[in-house]
C-alpha atoms as a PDB file:
ATOM      1  CA  MET A   1      -8.498 -45.839   7.015  1.00  0.00           C
ATOM      2  CA  PRO A   2     -11.412 -47.879   8.489  1.00  0.00           C
ATOM      3  CA  GLU A   3      -9.249 -48.791  11.510  1.00  0.00           C
ATOM      4  CA  LEU A   4      -8.555 -45.110  12.101  1.00  0.00           C
ATOM      5  CA  THR A   5     -12.270 -44.294  11.905  1.00  0.00           C
ATOM      6  CA  LYS A   6     -13.072 -47.190  14.254  1.00  0.00           C
ATOM      7  CA  THR A   7     -10.517 -45.919  16.763  1.00  0.00           C
ATOM      8  CA  PHE A   8     -12.029 -42.448  16.696  1.00  0.00           C
ATOM      9  CA  ALA A   9     -15.551 -43.852  17.048  1.00  0.00           C
ATOM     10  CA  GLU A  10     -14.603 -46.026  20.024  1.00  0.00           C
ATOM     11  CA  ARG A  11     -12.999 -43.115  21.838  1.00  0.00           C
ATOM     12  CA  GLY A  12     -15.832 -40.705  21.041  1.00  0.00           C
ATOM     13  CA  ASP A  13     -13.607 -38.378  19.035  1.00  0.00           C
ATOM     14  CA  LEU A  14     -15.823 -38.110  15.970  1.00  0.00           C
ATOM     15  CA  ALA A  15     -15.855 -34.319  16.309  1.00  0.00           C
ATOM     16  CA  HIS A  16     -12.077 -34.292  16.090  1.00  0.00           C
ATOM     17  CA  LEU A  17     -12.193 -36.520  13.042  1.00  0.00           C
ATOM     18  CA  ALA A  18     -14.753 -34.260  11.383  1.00  0.00           C
ATOM     19  CA  LEU A  19     -12.669 -31.189  12.208  1.00  0.00           C
ATOM     20  CA  PHE A  20      -9.550 -32.826  10.807  1.00  0.00           C
ATOM     21  CA  LEU A  21     -11.330 -33.767   7.574  1.00  0.00           C
ATOM     22  CA  TRP A  22     -12.770 -30.262   7.222  1.00  0.00           C
ATOM     23  CA  ALA A  23      -9.364 -28.641   7.846  1.00  0.00           C
ATOM     24  CA  SER A  24      -7.678 -30.991   5.390  1.00  0.00           C
ATOM     25  CA  GLY A  25     -10.246 -30.211   2.717  1.00  0.00           C
ATOM     26  CA  ALA A  26     -10.016 -26.472   3.326  1.00  0.00           C
ATOM     27  CA  SER A  27      -6.215 -26.579   3.184  1.00  0.00           C
ATOM     28  CA  GLY A  28      -6.322 -28.573  -0.033  1.00  0.00           C
ATOM     29  CA  LEU A  29      -8.675 -26.061  -1.613  1.00  0.00           C
ATOM     30  CA  LEU A  30      -6.430 -23.203  -0.500  1.00  0.00           C
ATOM     31  CA  VAL A  31      -3.361 -24.809  -2.080  1.00  0.00           C
ATOM     32  CA  TRP A  32      -5.291 -25.489  -5.288  1.00  0.00           C
ATOM     33  CA  SER A  33      -6.639 -21.932  -5.489  1.00  0.00           C
ATOM     34  CA  LEU A  34      -3.200 -20.402  -4.864  1.00  0.00           C
ATOM     35  CA  ARG A  35      -1.741 -22.608  -7.594  1.00  0.00           C
ATOM     36  CA  GLU A  36      -4.478 -21.506  -9.998  1.00  0.00           C
ATOM     37  CA  LEU A  37      -3.953 -17.850  -9.046  1.00  0.00           C
ATOM     38  CA  ALA A  38      -0.221 -18.122  -9.744  1.00  0.00           C
ATOM     39  CA  ALA A  39      -0.910 -19.720 -13.136  1.00  0.00           C
ATOM     40  CA  SER A  40      -3.414 -16.985 -13.949  1.00  0.00           C
ATOM     41  CA  ASN A  41      -0.877 -14.299 -13.055  1.00  0.00           C
ATOM     42  CA  ARG A  42       1.712 -15.950 -15.317  1.00  0.00           C
ATOM     43  CA  ARG A  43      -0.743 -16.058 -18.217  1.00  0.00           C
ATOM     44  CA  PHE A  44      -1.676 -12.413 -17.713  1.00  0.00           C
ATOM     45  CA  ASN A  45       1.999 -11.438 -17.539  1.00  0.00           C
ATOM     46  CA  ASP A  46       2.643 -13.272 -20.825  1.00  0.00           C
ATOM     47  CA  PHE A  47      -0.305 -11.447 -22.387  1.00  0.00           C
ATOM     48  CA  VAL A  48       1.004  -8.045 -21.273  1.00  0.00           C
ATOM     49  CA  LYS A  49       4.469  -8.877 -22.649  1.00  0.00           C
ATOM     50  CA  GLU A  50       2.951  -9.795 -26.017  1.00  0.00           C
ATOM     51  CA  ILE A  51       0.954  -6.553 -26.135  1.00  0.00           C
ATOM     52  CA  ALA A  52       4.111  -4.560 -25.303  1.00  0.00           C
ATOM     53  CA  GLN A  53       5.999  -6.370 -28.057  1.00  0.00           C
ATOM     54  CA  LEU A  54       3.188  -5.631 -30.518  1.00  0.00           C
ATOM     55  CA  ASN A  55       3.217  -1.954 -29.504  1.00  0.00           C
ATOM     56  CA  ARG A  56       6.988  -1.790 -30.065  1.00  0.00           C
ATOM     57  CA  LEU A  57       6.563  -3.410 -33.482  1.00  0.00           C
ATOM     58  CA  PHE A  58       3.901  -0.884 -34.539  1.00  0.00           C
ATOM     59  CA  ARG A  59       5.865   2.059 -33.111  1.00  0.00           C
ATOM     60  CA  ASP A  60       9.033   1.029 -35.007  1.00  0.00           C
ATOM     61  CA  HIS A  61       7.171   0.746 -38.319  1.00  0.00           C
ATOM     62  CA  SER A  62       5.491   4.181 -38.113  1.00  0.00           C
END
């Protein structure tokens, strides 16, 4: 990695390096947040299924 940074510094492309690092970080955060959102949706779906099962159990016993 230091050789890559040195190459960018010698050519005066530090702005490109900064942009690349920012875009990489933003993309990583997007992937992480989408993964967390999908997990949250699965947990909520499991919760709704359990509530529906509980409602069926109470309805059958009344």
